[in-house]
Amino acid sequence: MALYLSEIVTGTAERGAAEELVARLGSAASGAGGQLLEVQVSEDFARIFFVAEDVDPAQLTARIADLGVACTEPALVHLVGATVDQVRARATGAASHLVEWDFPAGLDMDTYLARKKEKSPLYAQVPEVAFLRTYVREDMGKCLCLYDAPDDAAVVRAREVVTTPIDRLHRLAEPSGVAAPSSQP
């Protein structure tokens, strides 16, 4: 099963418009031969981050362009910290924050995964933050880390504990259909 991450700048600040776009993303993924696994929307509704399963990336890009929005090229990703089945079942909990980390040049997947395994137990030092999962781009361009935390400062403390930078921090919209992918086929 292949997972692809893409991002959209919505051009809106309205929940209803973001919800409509999320619903249409489900159809776009289906039309590209797959389905949405996960969708996260920034609190200001300006950005949508989504992961699709088993899609044809070129078809997905074309179908999203038909929606009248620009998206980043779907990037193959590796899921860390959860299984696809757990994400699909929403068994890992709801995320309140998304961290983007642009990887430094020269970092490879094996080194990243070894570092992640070594540092993850340190999250226990910040018990108010739950690390949920990470999507690591296979091209090692960046990763998206999802957390449940009471506020931005708690996420910053958690990242400091594991000595991992934050390039961009997004508070996520409260779920109400916005963050849920369309039903499975």
N, C-alpha and C. Protein backbone atom coordinates (compact mmCIF):
# COMPACT_ATOMS: atom_id res chain seq x y z
N MET A 1 0.85 -1.17 0.00
CA MET A 1 0.00 0.00 0.00
C MET A 1 0.90 1.24 0.00
N ALA A 2 0.67 2.13 -0.93
CA ALA A 2 1.43 3.36 -1.05
C ALA A 2 0.63 4.51 -0.46
N LEU A 3 1.30 5.36 0.30
CA LEU A 3 0.68 6.55 0.90
C LEU A 3 1.31 7.79 0.28
N TYR A 4 0.46 8.77 -0.05
CA TYR A 4 0.92 10.01 -0.66
C TYR A 4 0.40 11.20 0.14
N LEU A 5 1.31 12.10 0.45
CA LEU A 5 0.99 13.33 1.18
C LEU A 5 0.95 14.49 0.20
N SER A 6 -0.03 15.35 0.38
CA SER A 6 -0.13 16.57 -0.40
C SER A 6 -0.72 17.66 0.47
N GLU A 7 -0.52 18.91 0.06
CA GLU A 7 -1.01 20.06 0.81
C GLU A 7 -1.69 21.03 -0.13
N ILE A 8 -2.72 21.67 0.39
CA ILE A 8 -3.48 22.66 -0.37
C ILE A 8 -3.54 23.95 0.42
N VAL A 9 -3.33 25.07 -0.25
CA VAL A 9 -3.64 26.38 0.30
C VAL A 9 -5.04 26.68 -0.19
N THR A 10 -5.98 26.82 0.76
CA THR A 10 -7.40 26.87 0.40
C THR A 10 -7.87 28.19 -0.18
N GLY A 11 -7.26 29.28 0.22
CA GLY A 11 -7.76 30.57 -0.22
C GLY A 11 -9.02 31.00 0.51
N THR A 12 -9.31 30.36 1.64
CA THR A 12 -10.51 30.70 2.41
C THR A 12 -10.18 30.71 3.89
N ALA A 13 -11.03 31.34 4.66
CA ALA A 13 -10.93 31.31 6.12
C ALA A 13 -12.23 30.83 6.73
N GLU A 14 -13.04 30.15 5.91
CA GLU A 14 -14.36 29.72 6.35
C GLU A 14 -14.43 28.21 6.49
N ARG A 15 -14.95 27.76 7.62
CA ARG A 15 -15.09 26.32 7.89
C ARG A 15 -15.90 25.63 6.79
N GLY A 16 -17.04 26.20 6.42
CA GLY A 16 -17.90 25.56 5.43
C GLY A 16 -17.19 25.33 4.11
N ALA A 17 -16.41 26.30 3.67
CA ALA A 17 -15.68 26.16 2.41
C ALA A 17 -14.62 25.07 2.53
N ALA A 18 -13.95 25.01 3.67
CA ALA A 18 -12.94 23.97 3.89
C ALA A 18 -13.59 22.59 3.94
N GLU A 19 -14.74 22.48 4.61
CA GLU A 19 -15.45 21.20 4.67
C GLU A 19 -15.86 20.73 3.28
N GLU A 20 -16.33 21.65 2.47
CA GLU A 20 -16.72 21.31 1.10
C GLU A 20 -15.51 20.81 0.31
N LEU A 21 -14.39 21.49 0.47
CA LEU A 21 -13.18 21.07 -0.23
C LEU A 21 -12.73 19.69 0.24
N VAL A 22 -12.80 19.42 1.54
CA VAL A 22 -12.44 18.10 2.06
C VAL A 22 -13.34 17.02 1.45
N ALA A 23 -14.63 17.28 1.37
CA ALA A 23 -15.55 16.32 0.77
C ALA A 23 -15.18 16.06 -0.69
N ARG A 24 -14.81 17.09 -1.39
CA ARG A 24 -14.44 16.94 -2.79
C ARG A 24 -13.09 16.24 -2.95
N LEU A 25 -12.22 16.37 -1.95
CA LEU A 25 -10.94 15.65 -1.98
C LEU A 25 -11.17 14.14 -1.95
N GLY A 26 -12.16 13.71 -1.17
CA GLY A 26 -12.49 12.29 -1.13
C GLY A 26 -12.85 11.77 -2.51
N SER A 27 -13.64 12.53 -3.25
CA SER A 27 -14.01 12.14 -4.61
C SER A 27 -12.81 12.14 -5.54
N ALA A 28 -11.92 13.13 -5.35
CA ALA A 28 -10.72 13.20 -6.18
C ALA A 28 -9.83 11.98 -5.94
N ALA A 29 -9.67 11.59 -4.68
CA ALA A 29 -8.84 10.41 -4.38
C ALA A 29 -9.47 9.15 -4.96
N SER A 30 -10.78 9.04 -4.82
CA SER A 30 -11.49 7.88 -5.38
C SER A 30 -11.32 7.83 -6.89
N GLY A 31 -11.46 8.97 -7.54
CA GLY A 31 -11.30 9.04 -8.98
C GLY A 31 -9.88 8.76 -9.45
N ALA A 32 -8.92 8.88 -8.52
CA ALA A 32 -7.52 8.59 -8.84
C ALA A 32 -7.15 7.16 -8.45
N GLY A 33 -8.18 6.35 -8.13
CA GLY A 33 -7.95 4.94 -7.87
C GLY A 33 -7.72 4.56 -6.43
N GLY A 34 -7.86 5.52 -5.49
CA GLY A 34 -7.59 5.21 -4.09
C GLY A 34 -8.62 5.82 -3.17
N GLN A 35 -8.15 6.18 -1.98
CA GLN A 35 -9.04 6.81 -1.00
C GLN A 35 -8.20 7.68 -0.07
N LEU A 36 -8.88 8.59 0.62
CA LEU A 36 -8.20 9.39 1.63
C LEU A 36 -7.99 8.54 2.86
N LEU A 37 -6.80 8.66 3.44
CA LEU A 37 -6.53 8.03 4.73
C LEU A 37 -6.75 9.04 5.85
N GLU A 38 -6.25 10.24 5.64
CA GLU A 38 -6.31 11.25 6.70
C GLU A 38 -6.31 12.63 6.09
N VAL A 39 -7.06 13.53 6.72
CA VAL A 39 -7.10 14.94 6.34
C VAL A 39 -6.99 15.76 7.61
N GLN A 40 -6.10 16.75 7.59
CA GLN A 40 -5.98 17.69 8.70
C GLN A 40 -6.09 19.10 8.11
N VAL A 41 -6.85 19.95 8.80
CA VAL A 41 -7.11 21.31 8.33
C VAL A 41 -6.60 22.27 9.40
N SER A 42 -5.86 23.28 8.97
CA SER A 42 -5.36 24.27 9.93
C SER A 42 -6.53 25.02 10.56
N GLU A 43 -6.32 25.51 11.77
CA GLU A 43 -7.38 26.18 12.52
C GLU A 43 -7.96 27.38 11.78
N ASP A 44 -7.13 28.04 10.97
CA ASP A 44 -7.61 29.19 10.21
C ASP A 44 -8.22 28.78 8.86
N PHE A 45 -8.29 27.48 8.60
CA PHE A 45 -8.86 26.89 7.39
C PHE A 45 -8.09 27.24 6.12
N ALA A 46 -6.88 27.79 6.26
CA ALA A 46 -6.09 28.22 5.12
C ALA A 46 -5.31 27.08 4.47
N ARG A 47 -5.04 26.00 5.22
CA ARG A 47 -4.24 24.89 4.69
C ARG A 47 -4.90 23.56 4.99
N ILE A 48 -4.82 22.68 4.03
CA ILE A 48 -5.30 21.32 4.20
C ILE A 48 -4.13 20.38 3.89
N PHE A 49 -3.86 19.48 4.81
CA PHE A 49 -2.84 18.46 4.65
C PHE A 49 -3.59 17.14 4.53
N PHE A 50 -3.28 16.34 3.51
CA PHE A 50 -4.00 15.09 3.38
C PHE A 50 -3.09 13.98 2.90
N VAL A 51 -3.45 12.76 3.32
CA VAL A 51 -2.74 11.55 2.92
C VAL A 51 -3.74 10.66 2.21
N ALA A 52 -3.37 10.23 1.03
CA ALA A 52 -4.22 9.34 0.23
C ALA A 52 -3.52 8.00 0.06
N GLU A 53 -4.33 6.95 0.04
CA GLU A 53 -3.82 5.59 -0.14
C GLU A 53 -4.02 5.13 -1.57
N ASP A 54 -3.00 4.47 -2.09
CA ASP A 54 -3.11 3.73 -3.36
C ASP A 54 -3.70 4.54 -4.50
N VAL A 55 -3.30 5.80 -4.61
CA VAL A 55 -3.77 6.64 -5.71
C VAL A 55 -2.71 6.69 -6.80
N ASP A 56 -3.13 7.06 -7.98
CA ASP A 56 -2.19 7.41 -9.04
C ASP A 56 -1.88 8.89 -8.82
N PRO A 57 -0.63 9.24 -8.46
CA PRO A 57 -0.34 10.63 -8.10
C PRO A 57 -0.64 11.64 -9.20
N ALA A 58 -0.38 11.28 -10.45
CA ALA A 58 -0.66 12.20 -11.56
C ALA A 58 -2.16 12.43 -11.69
N GLN A 59 -2.94 11.37 -11.58
CA GLN A 59 -4.40 11.51 -11.65
C GLN A 59 -4.93 12.33 -10.48
N LEU A 60 -4.37 12.11 -9.28
CA LEU A 60 -4.80 12.88 -8.11
C LEU A 60 -4.52 14.37 -8.32
N THR A 61 -3.35 14.68 -8.80
CA THR A 61 -3.00 16.09 -9.06
C THR A 61 -3.97 16.71 -10.06
N ALA A 62 -4.28 15.99 -11.11
CA ALA A 62 -5.20 16.51 -12.14
C ALA A 62 -6.60 16.70 -11.57
N ARG A 63 -7.05 15.76 -10.78
CA ARG A 63 -8.40 15.86 -10.20
C ARG A 63 -8.49 17.00 -9.18
N ILE A 64 -7.43 17.24 -8.47
CA ILE A 64 -7.43 18.36 -7.52
C ILE A 64 -7.38 19.68 -8.28
N ALA A 65 -6.62 19.73 -9.35
CA ALA A 65 -6.58 20.94 -10.18
C ALA A 65 -7.98 21.25 -10.72
N ASP A 66 -8.76 20.21 -11.03
CA ASP A 66 -10.14 20.40 -11.48
C ASP A 66 -11.02 21.05 -10.41
N LEU A 67 -10.60 20.94 -9.14
CA LEU A 67 -11.34 21.58 -8.05
C LEU A 67 -11.07 23.07 -7.96
N GLY A 68 -10.11 23.54 -8.75
CA GLY A 68 -9.80 24.97 -8.76
C GLY A 68 -8.84 25.40 -7.66
N VAL A 69 -8.11 24.45 -7.07
CA VAL A 69 -7.13 24.78 -6.06
C VAL A 69 -5.79 24.17 -6.44
N ALA A 70 -4.74 24.79 -5.98
CA ALA A 70 -3.40 24.27 -6.23
C ALA A 70 -2.99 23.38 -5.07
N CYS A 71 -2.30 22.31 -5.39
CA CYS A 71 -1.78 21.45 -4.34
C CYS A 71 -0.33 21.12 -4.64
N THR A 72 0.38 20.74 -3.59
CA THR A 72 1.74 20.27 -3.81
C THR A 72 1.65 18.91 -4.49
N GLU A 73 2.67 18.59 -5.23
CA GLU A 73 2.72 17.28 -5.88
C GLU A 73 2.65 16.19 -4.82
N PRO A 74 1.79 15.20 -4.99
CA PRO A 74 1.72 14.14 -4.00
C PRO A 74 3.08 13.47 -3.81
N ALA A 75 3.53 13.40 -2.56
CA ALA A 75 4.83 12.83 -2.23
C ALA A 75 4.63 11.51 -1.50
N LEU A 76 5.35 10.50 -1.91
CA LEU A 76 5.31 9.21 -1.25
C LEU A 76 5.80 9.38 0.18
N VAL A 77 5.05 8.83 1.16
CA VAL A 77 5.42 8.98 2.57
C VAL A 77 5.47 7.63 3.28
N HIS A 78 6.21 7.65 4.37
CA HIS A 78 6.37 6.53 5.28
C HIS A 78 5.66 6.93 6.57
N LEU A 79 4.78 6.11 7.08
CA LEU A 79 4.05 6.38 8.32
C LEU A 79 4.85 5.83 9.50
N VAL A 80 5.06 6.67 10.52
CA VAL A 80 5.83 6.29 11.70
C VAL A 80 4.98 6.56 12.94
N GLY A 81 4.98 5.63 13.88
CA GLY A 81 4.30 5.84 15.15
C GLY A 81 2.89 5.30 15.21
N ALA A 82 2.39 4.82 14.11
CA ALA A 82 1.04 4.24 14.04
C ALA A 82 0.99 3.35 12.81
N THR A 83 -0.02 2.52 12.75
CA THR A 83 -0.24 1.71 11.56
C THR A 83 -1.34 2.36 10.72
N VAL A 84 -1.39 1.99 9.47
CA VAL A 84 -2.45 2.47 8.60
C VAL A 84 -3.81 2.08 9.17
N ASP A 85 -3.92 0.85 9.68
CA ASP A 85 -5.19 0.41 10.25
C ASP A 85 -5.60 1.26 11.45
N GLN A 86 -4.63 1.65 12.29
CA GLN A 86 -4.95 2.51 13.43
C GLN A 86 -5.42 3.88 12.97
N VAL A 87 -4.76 4.43 11.97
CA VAL A 87 -5.18 5.74 11.45
C VAL A 87 -6.57 5.62 10.84
N ARG A 88 -6.77 4.58 10.05
CA ARG A 88 -8.07 4.37 9.40
C ARG A 88 -9.19 4.25 10.43
N ALA A 89 -8.90 3.59 11.55
CA ALA A 89 -9.91 3.38 12.60
C ALA A 89 -9.97 4.55 13.58
N ARG A 90 -9.16 5.56 13.36
CA ARG A 90 -9.09 6.72 14.26
C ARG A 90 -8.71 6.28 15.68
N ALA A 91 -7.90 5.22 15.77
CA ALA A 91 -7.52 4.65 17.06
C ALA A 91 -6.37 5.40 17.73
N THR A 92 -5.74 6.33 17.03
CA THR A 92 -4.60 7.02 17.60
C THR A 92 -4.98 8.35 18.24
N GLY A 93 -6.22 8.73 18.17
CA GLY A 93 -6.67 9.98 18.78
C GLY A 93 -6.66 11.14 17.81
N ALA A 94 -7.34 12.19 18.23
CA ALA A 94 -7.45 13.39 17.39
C ALA A 94 -6.24 14.29 17.62
N ALA A 95 -5.74 14.83 16.55
CA ALA A 95 -4.59 15.74 16.62
C ALA A 95 -5.07 17.17 16.81
N SER A 96 -4.35 17.90 17.63
CA SER A 96 -4.63 19.32 17.82
C SER A 96 -3.57 20.20 17.16
N HIS A 97 -2.40 19.61 16.88
CA HIS A 97 -1.28 20.37 16.31
C HIS A 97 -0.55 19.53 15.26
N LEU A 98 -0.05 20.22 14.25
CA LEU A 98 0.76 19.61 13.21
C LEU A 98 2.05 20.40 13.11
N VAL A 99 3.17 19.68 13.16
CA VAL A 99 4.49 20.29 13.04
C VAL A 99 5.09 19.87 11.71
N GLU A 100 5.59 20.84 10.97
CA GLU A 100 6.37 20.57 9.76
C GLU A 100 7.84 20.74 10.10
N TRP A 101 8.64 19.76 9.73
CA TRP A 101 10.09 19.85 9.89
C TRP A 101 10.72 19.60 8.54
N ASP A 102 11.43 20.58 8.01
CA ASP A 102 12.18 20.45 6.77
C ASP A 102 13.52 19.81 7.12
N PHE A 103 13.76 18.62 6.59
CA PHE A 103 14.96 17.88 6.96
C PHE A 103 16.23 18.56 6.47
N PRO A 104 17.28 18.46 7.26
CA PRO A 104 18.57 18.99 6.79
C PRO A 104 19.12 18.10 5.68
N ALA A 105 19.92 18.69 4.81
CA ALA A 105 20.54 17.93 3.73
C ALA A 105 21.37 16.79 4.32
N GLY A 106 21.32 15.66 3.66
CA GLY A 106 22.14 14.53 4.07
C GLY A 106 21.47 13.57 5.03
N LEU A 107 20.33 13.93 5.59
CA LEU A 107 19.64 13.02 6.50
C LEU A 107 18.97 11.92 5.67
N ASP A 108 19.22 10.66 6.04
CA ASP A 108 18.59 9.56 5.32
C ASP A 108 17.54 8.90 6.20
N MET A 109 16.70 8.07 5.59
CA MET A 109 15.57 7.46 6.30
C MET A 109 16.05 6.59 7.46
N ASP A 110 17.07 5.76 7.26
CA ASP A 110 17.53 4.89 8.33
C ASP A 110 18.01 5.69 9.53
N THR A 111 18.75 6.75 9.29
CA THR A 111 19.25 7.59 10.38
C THR A 111 18.09 8.28 11.10
N TYR A 112 17.13 8.79 10.32
CA TYR A 112 15.97 9.43 10.91
C TYR A 112 15.20 8.45 11.79
N LEU A 113 14.92 7.25 11.28
CA LEU A 113 14.13 6.28 12.03
C LEU A 113 14.85 5.83 13.30
N ALA A 114 16.17 5.66 13.22
CA ALA A 114 16.94 5.27 14.42
C ALA A 114 16.88 6.38 15.46
N ARG A 115 17.02 7.63 15.02
CA ARG A 115 16.95 8.77 15.93
C ARG A 115 15.56 8.88 16.56
N LYS A 116 14.53 8.69 15.75
CA LYS A 116 13.16 8.75 16.24
C LYS A 116 12.93 7.69 17.32
N LYS A 117 13.40 6.48 17.08
CA LYS A 117 13.23 5.39 18.04
C LYS A 117 13.97 5.70 19.34
N GLU A 118 15.17 6.26 19.23
CA GLU A 118 15.97 6.60 20.40
C GLU A 118 15.35 7.73 21.22
N LYS A 119 14.82 8.74 20.54
CA LYS A 119 14.33 9.95 21.22
C LYS A 119 12.88 9.87 21.68
N SER A 120 12.05 9.05 21.06
CA SER A 120 10.62 9.01 21.38
C SER A 120 10.31 8.79 22.86
N PRO A 121 11.04 7.95 23.60
CA PRO A 121 10.72 7.80 25.03
C PRO A 121 10.83 9.10 25.82
N LEU A 122 11.58 10.06 25.30
CA LEU A 122 11.75 11.34 26.01
C LEU A 122 10.46 12.16 26.06
N TYR A 123 9.51 11.87 25.17
CA TYR A 123 8.23 12.58 25.20
C TYR A 123 7.55 12.43 26.56
N ALA A 124 7.87 11.39 27.30
CA ALA A 124 7.28 11.17 28.63
C ALA A 124 7.59 12.33 29.58
N GLN A 125 8.60 13.11 29.28
CA GLN A 125 8.95 14.26 30.11
C GLN A 125 7.95 15.41 29.95
N VAL A 126 7.12 15.33 28.94
CA VAL A 126 6.09 16.33 28.69
C VAL A 126 4.75 15.58 28.60
N PRO A 127 4.23 15.14 29.75
CA PRO A 127 3.07 14.24 29.74
C PRO A 127 1.78 14.85 29.20
N GLU A 128 1.71 16.17 29.15
CA GLU A 128 0.50 16.79 28.61
C GLU A 128 0.42 16.74 27.09
N VAL A 129 1.49 16.26 26.45
CA VAL A 129 1.54 16.15 25.00
C VAL A 129 1.55 14.68 24.60
N ALA A 130 0.69 14.33 23.66
CA ALA A 130 0.70 12.97 23.11
C ALA A 130 1.19 13.05 21.67
N PHE A 131 2.32 12.38 21.41
CA PHE A 131 2.78 12.21 20.03
C PHE A 131 1.88 11.17 19.40
N LEU A 132 1.31 11.46 18.24
CA LEU A 132 0.37 10.54 17.60
C LEU A 132 0.99 9.77 16.44
N ARG A 133 1.60 10.49 15.49
CA ARG A 133 2.18 9.84 14.32
C ARG A 133 2.93 10.88 13.49
N THR A 134 3.75 10.35 12.57
CA THR A 134 4.53 11.19 11.66
C THR A 134 4.42 10.61 10.26
N TYR A 135 4.34 11.50 9.30
CA TYR A 135 4.45 11.13 7.89
C TYR A 135 5.77 11.68 7.39
N VAL A 136 6.68 10.78 6.98
CA VAL A 136 8.00 11.15 6.51
C VAL A 136 8.03 11.01 5.00
N ARG A 137 8.33 12.09 4.32
CA ARG A 137 8.43 12.00 2.86
C ARG A 137 9.60 11.10 2.50
N GLU A 138 9.37 10.17 1.58
CA GLU A 138 10.41 9.24 1.15
C GLU A 138 11.59 9.96 0.52
N ASP A 139 11.36 11.14 -0.06
CA ASP A 139 12.46 11.91 -0.64
C ASP A 139 13.24 12.68 0.43
N MET A 140 12.83 12.52 1.69
CA MET A 140 13.48 13.14 2.86
C MET A 140 13.45 14.66 2.79
N GLY A 141 12.44 15.21 2.12
CA GLY A 141 12.27 16.65 2.07
C GLY A 141 11.78 17.21 3.39
N LYS A 142 10.86 16.51 4.03
CA LYS A 142 10.32 16.96 5.32
C LYS A 142 9.44 15.87 5.91
N CYS A 143 8.98 16.15 7.13
CA CYS A 143 8.00 15.28 7.76
C CYS A 143 6.92 16.15 8.40
N LEU A 144 5.77 15.53 8.60
CA LEU A 144 4.66 16.14 9.33
C LEU A 144 4.42 15.30 10.56
N CYS A 145 4.48 15.92 11.73
CA CYS A 145 4.26 15.23 13.00
C CYS A 145 2.97 15.73 13.62
N LEU A 146 2.15 14.80 14.06
CA LEU A 146 0.85 15.14 14.65
C LEU A 146 0.88 14.89 16.15
N TYR A 147 0.34 15.86 16.89
CA TYR A 147 0.32 15.82 18.34
C TYR A 147 -1.05 16.19 18.86
N ASP A 148 -1.36 15.72 20.06
CA ASP A 148 -2.49 16.22 20.82
C ASP A 148 -1.88 16.93 22.01
N ALA A 149 -2.13 18.23 22.12
CA ALA A 149 -1.51 19.04 23.17
C ALA A 149 -2.45 20.18 23.55
N PRO A 150 -2.31 20.70 24.77
CA PRO A 150 -3.21 21.77 25.21
C PRO A 150 -2.95 23.11 24.52
N ASP A 151 -1.70 23.33 24.07
CA ASP A 151 -1.37 24.62 23.45
C ASP A 151 -0.06 24.50 22.67
N ASP A 152 0.25 25.57 21.93
CA ASP A 152 1.47 25.59 21.12
C ASP A 152 2.71 25.42 21.98
N ALA A 153 2.74 26.08 23.14
CA ALA A 153 3.92 26.04 24.01
C ALA A 153 4.25 24.61 24.44
N ALA A 154 3.24 23.80 24.68
CA ALA A 154 3.47 22.41 25.07
C ALA A 154 4.13 21.62 23.92
N VAL A 155 3.69 21.87 22.70
CA VAL A 155 4.29 21.21 21.54
C VAL A 155 5.75 21.63 21.42
N VAL A 156 6.02 22.91 21.61
CA VAL A 156 7.40 23.41 21.54
C VAL A 156 8.25 22.70 22.59
N ARG A 157 7.74 22.58 23.82
CA ARG A 157 8.49 21.88 24.87
C ARG A 157 8.77 20.43 24.48
N ALA A 158 7.77 19.76 23.92
CA ALA A 158 7.95 18.36 23.51
C ALA A 158 9.03 18.25 22.44
N ARG A 159 9.02 19.14 21.50
CA ARG A 159 10.03 19.10 20.44
C ARG A 159 11.42 19.41 21.00
N GLU A 160 11.49 20.31 21.96
CA GLU A 160 12.78 20.61 22.59
C GLU A 160 13.32 19.40 23.33
N VAL A 161 12.45 18.65 24.00
CA VAL A 161 12.86 17.46 24.75
C VAL A 161 13.49 16.43 23.82
N VAL A 162 12.96 16.28 22.62
CA VAL A 162 13.51 15.31 21.68
C VAL A 162 14.53 15.97 20.73
N THR A 163 14.91 17.20 21.04
CA THR A 163 15.88 17.99 20.26
C THR A 163 15.62 17.94 18.76
N THR A 164 14.38 18.24 18.41
CA THR A 164 13.96 18.27 17.01
C THR A 164 13.31 19.61 16.72
N PRO A 165 13.76 20.28 15.67
CA PRO A 165 13.23 21.62 15.39
C PRO A 165 11.79 21.62 14.86
N ILE A 166 11.23 22.80 14.87
CA ILE A 166 9.92 23.07 14.28
C ILE A 166 10.14 24.12 13.20
N ASP A 167 9.81 23.79 11.97
CA ASP A 167 9.90 24.80 10.91
C ASP A 167 8.59 25.56 10.78
N ARG A 168 7.46 24.85 10.94
CA ARG A 168 6.16 25.49 10.95
C ARG A 168 5.27 24.71 11.90
N LEU A 169 4.50 25.44 12.70
CA LEU A 169 3.59 24.84 13.67
C LEU A 169 2.18 25.29 13.34
N HIS A 170 1.29 24.34 13.17
CA HIS A 170 -0.11 24.63 12.83
C HIS A 170 -1.03 24.10 13.92
N ARG A 171 -1.87 24.96 14.44
CA ARG A 171 -2.96 24.49 15.29
C ARG A 171 -4.05 24.00 14.33
N LEU A 172 -4.64 22.87 14.65
CA LEU A 172 -5.61 22.25 13.73
C LEU A 172 -7.03 22.59 14.12
N ALA A 173 -7.89 22.60 13.12
CA ALA A 173 -9.31 22.85 13.34
C ALA A 173 -9.90 21.73 14.18
N GLU A 174 -10.86 22.09 15.00
CA GLU A 174 -11.59 21.08 15.77
C GLU A 174 -12.33 20.19 14.79
N PRO A 175 -12.27 18.88 15.00
CA PRO A 175 -12.99 17.98 14.09
C PRO A 175 -14.50 18.23 14.11
N SER A 176 -15.08 18.25 12.93
CA SER A 176 -16.55 18.32 12.79
C SER A 176 -16.89 17.93 11.37
N GLY A 177 -16.18 16.96 10.89
CA GLY A 177 -16.31 16.61 9.48
C GLY A 177 -15.16 17.17 8.68
N VAL A 178 -14.53 18.23 9.20
CA VAL A 178 -13.40 18.83 8.49
C VAL A 178 -12.24 17.87 8.41
N ALA A 179 -11.91 17.18 9.49
CA ALA A 179 -10.73 16.36 9.51
C ALA A 179 -10.98 14.90 9.17
N ALA A 180 -12.20 14.54 8.86
CA ALA A 180 -12.51 13.14 8.59
C ALA A 180 -12.59 12.89 7.09
N PRO A 181 -11.87 11.87 6.59
CA PRO A 181 -11.99 11.57 5.18
C PRO A 181 -13.35 10.98 4.87
N SER A 182 -13.66 10.99 3.59
CA SER A 182 -14.93 10.39 3.18
C SER A 182 -14.91 8.90 3.48
N SER A 183 -16.05 8.29 3.49
CA SER A 183 -16.13 6.88 3.85
C SER A 183 -15.35 6.02 2.87
N GLN A 184 -14.94 4.88 3.37
CA GLN A 184 -14.17 3.96 2.54
C GLN A 184 -15.08 3.32 1.50
N PRO A 185 -14.47 2.93 0.36
CA PRO A 185 -15.28 2.29 -0.67
C PRO A 185 -15.78 0.93 -0.22
